[in-house]
Amino acid sequence: MVRRFVLMVAAAALGAGSVAPAQVVRAPATEQVVAAVSADLKNEPLVTTPLSRDPLAPATVAGNEEPAAPSDQTDDQPVAIAPGASLAETVASLRRSDAGSRELECLAVGIYFESKSEPLAGQLAVGQVIENRAESRGRFPGSYCGVLTQRGQFSFVRGGRWPAINKSGMQWKNAVAIARIVDGDIRESNVGKALFFHARRVSPGWRMTRVATVGNHIFYR
């Protein structure tokens, strides 16, 4: 109807020998159409489904793949993980500042301080080791926080405390996303049941079974 009205006004103006009135009418009519379309897009509903495991819990694994776009979910927002999504895509959909629980925060802290500069696959591997320790049935404490604060295990922990973290930074949000992936069994690392790791730049001479090398760490069980 808007377009038809504009054309009728334009035809009348041409019959009178003047183009200016048609130009004046056409511009606001076009703006109205664009505004209407924009409003429709803004009101388009988003469809999401909950995670398969824990609503509080929380891409190809190789290379230096980074999340494609920022996302900062809140605690009460369920997230849909597309089948076949890459690690980077999954991290992008689960990234946020608040870990959602004390246990997930401890897991994210371990991932952050041990591997925040690593590729996502390397961060996932470190998170997997922390989870493996928590599930080791007596060999290590039975919680993420217990594993993290166990004496003599992580050098960044002093007296059961760790340095301050910029929780608005992307590296922390990535660590939270990786923690949610590990805890929710959304994606597994290729380090299997590894319980130990060290940086490639050192050689402690451990007499253990070497499992994998991911990023800048070597993993053992």
C-alpha atoms as a PDB file:
ATOM      1  CA  MET A   1       0.000   0.000   0.000  1.00  0.00           C
ATOM      2  CA  VAL A   2       2.845   2.416   0.790  1.00  0.00           C
ATOM      3  CA  ARG A   3       4.422   1.858  -2.594  1.00  0.00           C
ATOM      4  CA  ARG A   4       1.087   2.284  -4.449  1.00  0.00           C
ATOM      5  CA  PHE A   5       0.396   5.534  -2.605  1.00  0.00           C
ATOM      6  CA  VAL A   6       3.833   6.899  -3.522  1.00  0.00           C
ATOM      7  CA  LEU A   7       3.328   6.061  -7.194  1.00  0.00           C
ATOM      8  CA  MET A   8      -0.087   7.757  -7.264  1.00  0.00           C
ATOM      9  CA  VAL A   9       1.383  10.920  -5.756  1.00  0.00           C
ATOM     10  CA  ALA A  10       4.290  10.798  -8.195  1.00  0.00           C
ATOM     11  CA  ALA A  11       1.893  10.478 -11.173  1.00  0.00           C
ATOM     12  CA  ALA A  12      -0.151  13.452 -10.006  1.00  0.00           C
ATOM     13  CA  ALA A  13       2.978  15.511  -9.580  1.00  0.00           C
ATOM     14  CA  LEU A  14       4.230  14.720 -13.066  1.00  0.00           C
ATOM     15  CA  GLY A  15       0.855  15.766 -14.521  1.00  0.00           C
ATOM     16  CA  ALA A  16       1.294  19.142 -12.869  1.00  0.00           C
ATOM     17  CA  GLY A  17       4.750  19.554 -14.388  1.00  0.00           C
ATOM     18  CA  SER A  18       6.690  19.296 -11.114  1.00  0.00           C
ATOM     19  CA  VAL A  19       8.866  16.425  -9.791  1.00  0.00           C
ATOM     20  CA  ALA A  20       9.676  17.868  -6.354  1.00  0.00           C
ATOM     21  CA  PRO A  21       6.483  16.773  -4.517  1.00  0.00           C
ATOM     22  CA  ALA A  22       6.952  13.155  -5.609  1.00  0.00           C
ATOM     23  CA  GLN A  23      10.522  13.206  -4.286  1.00  0.00           C
ATOM     24  CA  VAL A  24       9.402  14.572  -0.921  1.00  0.00           C
ATOM     25  CA  VAL A  25       6.743  11.862  -0.498  1.00  0.00           C
ATOM     26  CA  ARG A  26       8.987   8.968  -1.628  1.00  0.00           C
ATOM     27  CA  ALA A  27      11.749   9.547   0.912  1.00  0.00           C
ATOM     28  CA  PRO A  28       9.712   9.229   4.134  1.00  0.00           C
ATOM     29  CA  ALA A  29       7.699   6.330   2.681  1.00  0.00           C
ATOM     30  CA  THR A  30      10.907   4.409   2.029  1.00  0.00           C
ATOM     31  CA  GLU A  31      12.102   5.172   5.541  1.00  0.00           C
ATOM     32  CA  GLN A  32       8.840   3.811   6.927  1.00  0.00           C
ATOM     33  CA  VAL A  33       9.294   0.540   5.068  1.00  0.00           C
ATOM     34  CA  VAL A  34      12.885   0.161   6.305  1.00  0.00           C
ATOM     35  CA  ALA A  35      11.835   1.004   9.857  1.00  0.00           C
ATOM     36  CA  ALA A  36       9.036  -1.580   9.726  1.00  0.00           C
ATOM     37  CA  VAL A  37      11.400  -4.300   8.495  1.00  0.00           C
ATOM     38  CA  SER A  38      13.981  -3.416  11.170  1.00  0.00           C
ATOM     39  CA  ALA A  39      11.320  -3.583  13.859  1.00  0.00           C
ATOM     40  CA  ASP A  40      10.236  -7.025  12.647  1.00  0.00           C
ATOM     41  CA  LEU A  41      13.809  -8.284  12.834  1.00  0.00           C
ATOM     42  CA  LYS A  42      14.314  -6.910  16.326  1.00  0.00           C
ATOM     43  CA  ASN A  43      11.176  -8.646  17.533  1.00  0.00           C
ATOM     44  CA  GLU A  44      12.117 -12.015  16.028  1.00  0.00           C
ATOM     45  CA  PRO A  45      12.142 -14.594  18.910  1.00  0.00           C
ATOM     46  CA  LEU A  46      15.249 -16.673  19.702  1.00  0.00           C
ATOM     47  CA  VAL A  47      14.686 -20.421  20.171  1.00  0.00           C
ATOM     48  CA  THR A  48      17.018 -22.219  22.577  1.00  0.00           C
ATOM     49  CA  THR A  49      17.089 -25.585  24.298  1.00  0.00           C
ATOM     50  CA  PRO A  50      18.761 -26.499  27.603  1.00  0.00           C
ATOM     51  CA  LEU A  51      22.087 -28.295  27.923  1.00  0.00           C
ATOM     52  CA  SER A  52      21.869 -32.040  28.221  1.00  0.00           C
ATOM     53  CA  ARG A  53      23.352 -32.181  31.714  1.00  0.00           C
ATOM     54  CA  ASP A  54      23.560 -29.297  34.179  1.00  0.00           C
ATOM     55  CA  PRO A  55      21.894 -25.933  33.499  1.00  0.00           C
ATOM     56  CA  LEU A  56      24.640 -24.280  35.542  1.00  0.00           C
ATOM     57  CA  ALA A  57      27.397 -26.252  33.947  1.00  0.00           C
ATOM     58  CA  PRO A  58      28.972 -24.973  31.913  1.00  0.00           C
ATOM     59  CA  ALA A  59      36.050 -26.756  17.946  1.00  0.00           C
ATOM     60  CA  THR A  60      37.762 -28.955  15.756  1.00  0.00           C
ATOM     61  CA  VAL A  61      40.366 -29.539  18.440  1.00  0.00           C
ATOM     62  CA  ALA A  62      43.466 -28.931  16.385  1.00  0.00           C
ATOM     63  CA  GLY A  63      45.318 -25.725  15.724  1.00  0.00           C
ATOM     64  CA  ASN A  64      44.895 -22.253  17.098  1.00  0.00           C
ATOM     65  CA  GLU A  65      41.197 -22.035  16.468  1.00  0.00           C
ATOM     66  CA  GLU A  66      39.557 -19.179  18.363  1.00  0.00           C
ATOM     67  CA  PRO A  67      35.900 -18.473  19.104  1.00  0.00           C
ATOM     68  CA  ALA A  68      34.193 -16.816  16.194  1.00  0.00           C
ATOM     69  CA  ALA A  69      32.117 -14.212  18.024  1.00  0.00           C
ATOM     70  CA  PRO A  70      31.664 -12.889  21.562  1.00  0.00           C
ATOM     71  CA  SER A  71      28.797 -14.195  23.625  1.00  0.00           C
ATOM     72  CA  ASP A  72      28.080 -13.558  27.294  1.00  0.00           C
ATOM     73  CA  GLN A  73      25.324 -15.842  28.548  1.00  0.00           C
ATOM     74  CA  THR A  74      23.716 -15.339  31.953  1.00  0.00           C
ATOM     75  CA  ASP A  75      22.909 -18.018  34.519  1.00  0.00           C
ATOM     76  CA  ASP A  76      19.255 -18.371  33.563  1.00  0.00           C
ATOM     77  CA  GLN A  77      19.750 -18.546  29.813  1.00  0.00           C
ATOM     78  CA  PRO A  78      19.678 -22.103  28.387  1.00  0.00           C
ATOM     79  CA  VAL A  79      22.004 -22.601  25.451  1.00  0.00           C
ATOM     80  CA  ALA A  80      21.555 -24.729  22.354  1.00  0.00           C
ATOM     81  CA  ILE A  81      24.630 -26.619  21.172  1.00  0.00           C
ATOM     82  CA  ALA A  82      24.284 -27.518  17.508  1.00  0.00           C
ATOM     83  CA  PRO A  83      25.136 -31.137  16.620  1.00  0.00           C
ATOM     84  CA  GLY A  84      28.583 -31.262  15.087  1.00  0.00           C
ATOM     85  CA  ALA A  85      29.543 -27.805  16.380  1.00  0.00           C
ATOM     86  CA  SER A  86      33.272 -27.147  16.483  1.00  0.00           C
ATOM     87  CA  LEU A  87      35.083 -26.474  19.748  1.00  0.00           C
ATOM     88  CA  ALA A  88      35.332 -22.795  18.833  1.00  0.00           C
ATOM     89  CA  GLU A  89      31.594 -22.576  18.139  1.00  0.00           C
ATOM     90  CA  THR A  90      30.768 -24.343  21.395  1.00  0.00           C
ATOM     91  CA  VAL A  91      33.041 -22.038  23.385  1.00  0.00           C
ATOM     92  CA  ALA A  92      31.457 -18.988  21.736  1.00  0.00           C
ATOM     93  CA  SER A  93      27.975 -20.144  22.785  1.00  0.00           C
ATOM     94  CA  LEU A  94      28.975 -20.915  26.404  1.00  0.00           C
ATOM     95  CA  ARG A  95      31.278 -17.990  27.110  1.00  0.00           C
ATOM     96  CA  ARG A  96      30.381 -15.778  30.078  1.00  0.00           C
ATOM     97  CA  SER A  97      31.908 -14.033  33.124  1.00  0.00           C
ATOM     98  CA  ASP A  98      30.078 -15.926  35.880  1.00  0.00           C
ATOM     99  CA  ALA A  99      30.977 -19.604  36.202  1.00  0.00           C
ATOM    100  CA  GLY A 100      27.653 -20.301  37.922  1.00  0.00           C
ATOM    101  CA  SER A 101      28.981 -22.240  40.930  1.00  0.00           C
ATOM    102  CA  ARG A 102      32.016 -22.390  43.198  1.00  0.00           C
ATOM    103  CA  GLU A 103      33.098 -25.744  41.778  1.00  0.00           C
ATOM    104  CA  LEU A 104      32.926 -24.566  38.162  1.00  0.00           C
ATOM    105  CA  GLU A 105      34.799 -21.431  39.121  1.00  0.00           C
ATOM    106  CA  CYS A 106      37.631 -23.543  40.574  1.00  0.00           C
ATOM    107  CA  LEU A 107      37.774 -25.581  37.378  1.00  0.00           C
ATOM    108  CA  ALA A 108      37.830 -22.398  35.290  1.00  0.00           C
ATOM    109  CA  VAL A 109      40.577 -20.923  37.504  1.00  0.00           C
ATOM    110  CA  GLY A 110      42.770 -23.966  36.876  1.00  0.00           C
ATOM    111  CA  ILE A 111      42.183 -23.742  33.134  1.00  0.00           C
ATOM    112  CA  TYR A 112      42.812 -19.996  33.156  1.00  0.00           C
ATOM    113  CA  PHE A 113      46.127 -19.944  35.015  1.00  0.00           C
ATOM    114  CA  GLU A 114      47.555 -23.108  33.455  1.00  0.00           C
ATOM    115  CA  SER A 115      46.528 -22.598  29.836  1.00  0.00           C
ATOM    116  CA  LYS A 116      44.884 -19.228  29.110  1.00  0.00           C
ATOM    117  CA  SER A 117      47.376 -18.503  26.318  1.00  0.00           C
ATOM    118  CA  GLU A 118      46.982 -21.998  24.814  1.00  0.00           C
ATOM    119  CA  PRO A 119      44.806 -22.956  21.840  1.00  0.00           C
ATOM    120  CA  LEU A 120      41.297 -23.996  22.872  1.00  0.00           C
ATOM    121  CA  ALA A 121      42.240 -27.665  22.477  1.00  0.00           C
ATOM    122  CA  GLY A 122      45.077 -27.148  24.977  1.00  0.00           C
ATOM    123  CA  GLN A 123      42.724 -25.503  27.460  1.00  0.00           C
ATOM    124  CA  LEU A 124      40.285 -28.366  27.086  1.00  0.00           C
ATOM    125  CA  ALA A 125      43.071 -30.862  27.794  1.00  0.00           C
ATOM    126  CA  VAL A 126      44.081 -29.077  31.006  1.00  0.00           C
ATOM    127  CA  GLY A 127      40.459 -28.990  32.136  1.00  0.00           C
ATOM    128  CA  GLN A 128      40.177 -32.705  31.403  1.00  0.00           C
ATOM    129  CA  VAL A 129      43.147 -33.450  33.679  1.00  0.00           C
ATOM    130  CA  ILE A 130      41.550 -31.526  36.552  1.00  0.00           C
ATOM    131  CA  GLU A 131      38.306 -33.445  36.068  1.00  0.00           C
ATOM    132  CA  ASN A 132      40.207 -36.751  35.869  1.00  0.00           C
ATOM    133  CA  ARG A 133      41.863 -35.993  39.197  1.00  0.00           C
ATOM    134  CA  ALA A 134      38.545 -35.146  40.848  1.00  0.00           C
ATOM    135  CA  GLU A 135      37.163 -38.488  39.635  1.00  0.00           C
ATOM    136  CA  SER A 136      40.237 -40.557  40.570  1.00  0.00           C
ATOM    137  CA  ARG A 137      38.615 -42.072  43.698  1.00  0.00           C
ATOM    138  CA  GLY A 138      41.062 -41.284  46.451  1.00  0.00           C
ATOM    139  CA  ARG A 139      44.267 -40.510  44.606  1.00  0.00           C
ATOM    140  CA  PHE A 140      43.325 -36.840  44.553  1.00  0.00           C
ATOM    141  CA  PRO A 141      40.600 -34.794  46.286  1.00  0.00           C
ATOM    142  CA  GLY A 142      37.097 -35.490  44.969  1.00  0.00           C
ATOM    143  CA  SER A 143      36.217 -31.952  43.890  1.00  0.00           C
ATOM    144  CA  TYR A 144      37.578 -29.370  41.484  1.00  0.00           C
ATOM    145  CA  CYS A 145      38.331 -26.962  44.317  1.00  0.00           C
ATOM    146  CA  GLY A 146      40.037 -29.714  46.288  1.00  0.00           C
ATOM    147  CA  VAL A 147      42.183 -30.674  43.295  1.00  0.00           C
ATOM    148  CA  LEU A 148      43.089 -27.049  42.670  1.00  0.00           C
ATOM    149  CA  THR A 149      44.107 -26.293  46.252  1.00  0.00           C
ATOM    150  CA  GLN A 150      45.852 -29.602  46.982  1.00  0.00           C
ATOM    151  CA  ARG A 151      49.212 -28.724  48.424  1.00  0.00           C
ATOM    152  CA  GLY A 152      52.148 -28.635  46.030  1.00  0.00           C
ATOM    153  CA  GLN A 153      50.162 -29.312  42.852  1.00  0.00           C
ATOM    154  CA  PHE A 154      49.611 -25.948  41.147  1.00  0.00           C
ATOM    155  CA  SER A 155      52.289 -23.293  41.492  1.00  0.00           C
ATOM    156  CA  PHE A 156      49.903 -20.353  41.105  1.00  0.00           C
ATOM    157  CA  VAL A 157      48.003 -21.412  44.262  1.00  0.00           C
ATOM    158  CA  ARG A 158      49.544 -20.089  47.475  1.00  0.00           C
ATOM    159  CA  GLY A 159      47.947 -20.875  50.804  1.00  0.00           C
ATOM    160  CA  GLY A 160      44.760 -22.022  49.078  1.00  0.00           C
ATOM    161  CA  ARG A 161      44.450 -18.719  47.216  1.00  0.00           C
ATOM    162  CA  TRP A 162      45.267 -17.510  43.720  1.00  0.00           C
ATOM    163  CA  PRO A 163      45.931 -14.130  42.098  1.00  0.00           C
ATOM    164  CA  ALA A 164      43.104 -11.798  41.126  1.00  0.00           C
ATOM    165  CA  ILE A 165      41.447 -12.416  37.753  1.00  0.00           C
ATOM    166  CA  ASN A 166      40.034  -9.891  35.314  1.00  0.00           C
ATOM    167  CA  LYS A 167      36.644 -11.538  34.901  1.00  0.00           C
ATOM    168  CA  SER A 168      35.576  -9.143  32.161  1.00  0.00           C
ATOM    169  CA  GLY A 169      38.435 -10.322  29.940  1.00  0.00           C
ATOM    170  CA  MET A 170      37.973 -12.731  27.046  1.00  0.00           C
ATOM    171  CA  GLN A 171      40.536 -15.216  28.386  1.00  0.00           C
ATOM    172  CA  TRP A 172      38.517 -15.687  31.580  1.00  0.00           C
ATOM    173  CA  LYS A 173      35.264 -16.054  29.662  1.00  0.00           C
ATOM    174  CA  ASN A 174      36.906 -18.684  27.470  1.00  0.00           C
ATOM    175  CA  ALA A 175      38.092 -20.544  30.579  1.00  0.00           C
ATOM    176  CA  VAL A 176      34.537 -20.528  31.966  1.00  0.00           C
ATOM    177  CA  ALA A 177      33.229 -21.903  28.669  1.00  0.00           C
ATOM    178  CA  ILE A 178      35.856 -24.667  28.644  1.00  0.00           C
ATOM    179  CA  ALA A 179      34.987 -25.527  32.272  1.00  0.00           C
ATOM    180  CA  ARG A 180      31.333 -25.895  31.333  1.00  0.00           C
ATOM    181  CA  ILE A 181      32.273 -28.109  28.377  1.00  0.00           C
ATOM    182  CA  VAL A 182      34.430 -30.359  30.564  1.00  0.00           C
ATOM    183  CA  ASP A 183      31.966 -30.594  33.452  1.00  0.00           C
ATOM    184  CA  GLY A 184      29.019 -31.162  31.141  1.00  0.00           C
ATOM    185  CA  ASP A 185      30.809 -33.868  29.124  1.00  0.00           C
ATOM    186  CA  ILE A 186      29.933 -31.850  26.041  1.00  0.00           C
ATOM    187  CA  ARG A 187      33.243 -32.578  24.378  1.00  0.00           C
ATOM    188  CA  GLU A 188      36.216 -34.737  25.384  1.00  0.00           C
ATOM    189  CA  SER A 189      39.895 -34.008  24.926  1.00  0.00           C
ATOM    190  CA  ASN A 190      42.244 -36.543  23.352  1.00  0.00           C
ATOM    191  CA  VAL A 191      44.289 -36.821  26.566  1.00  0.00           C
ATOM    192  CA  GLY A 192      42.022 -39.599  27.861  1.00  0.00           C
ATOM    193  CA  LYS A 193      42.631 -40.399  31.540  1.00  0.00           C
ATOM    194  CA  ALA A 194      45.764 -38.254  31.908  1.00  0.00           C
ATOM    195  CA  LEU A 195      46.414 -37.050  35.455  1.00  0.00           C
ATOM    196  CA  PHE A 196      49.571 -34.995  34.973  1.00  0.00           C
ATOM    197  CA  PHE A 197      51.018 -32.499  32.520  1.00  0.00           C
ATOM    198  CA  HIS A 198      53.997 -30.197  32.182  1.00  0.00           C
ATOM    199  CA  ALA A 199      55.118 -27.501  29.792  1.00  0.00           C
ATOM    200  CA  ARG A 200      57.096 -28.657  26.762  1.00  0.00           C
ATOM    201  CA  ARG A 201      59.950 -26.312  27.692  1.00  0.00           C
ATOM    202  CA  VAL A 202      60.846 -28.410  30.762  1.00  0.00           C
ATOM    203  CA  SER A 203      61.876 -32.042  31.125  1.00  0.00           C
ATOM    204  CA  PRO A 204      61.151 -33.376  34.635  1.00  0.00           C
ATOM    205  CA  GLY A 205      62.029 -36.965  33.716  1.00  0.00           C
ATOM    206  CA  TRP A 206      58.743 -38.419  34.929  1.00  0.00           C
ATOM    207  CA  ARG A 207      58.519 -42.209  34.777  1.00  0.00           C
ATOM    208  CA  MET A 208      54.923 -42.298  33.633  1.00  0.00           C
ATOM    209  CA  THR A 209      53.054 -43.200  30.488  1.00  0.00           C
ATOM    210  CA  ARG A 210      53.029 -40.357  28.024  1.00  0.00           C
ATOM    211  CA  VAL A 211      49.527 -39.874  26.604  1.00  0.00           C
ATOM    212  CA  ALA A 212      49.590 -36.892  24.275  1.00  0.00           C
ATOM    213  CA  THR A 213      51.060 -33.521  23.447  1.00  0.00           C
ATOM    214  CA  VAL A 214      48.512 -30.745  23.052  1.00  0.00           C
ATOM    215  CA  GLY A 215      49.562 -27.160  22.493  1.00  0.00           C
ATOM    216  CA  ASN A 216      52.507 -26.401  24.769  1.00  0.00           C
ATOM    217  CA  HIS A 217      51.889 -29.197  27.278  1.00  0.00           C
ATOM    218  CA  ILE A 218      52.754 -32.894  27.482  1.00  0.00           C
ATOM    219  CA  PHE A 219      50.247 -35.146  29.266  1.00  0.00           C
ATOM    220  CA  TYR A 220      50.818 -38.346  31.287  1.00  0.00           C
ATOM    221  CA  ARG A 221      48.924 -40.968  33.261  1.00  0.00           C
END
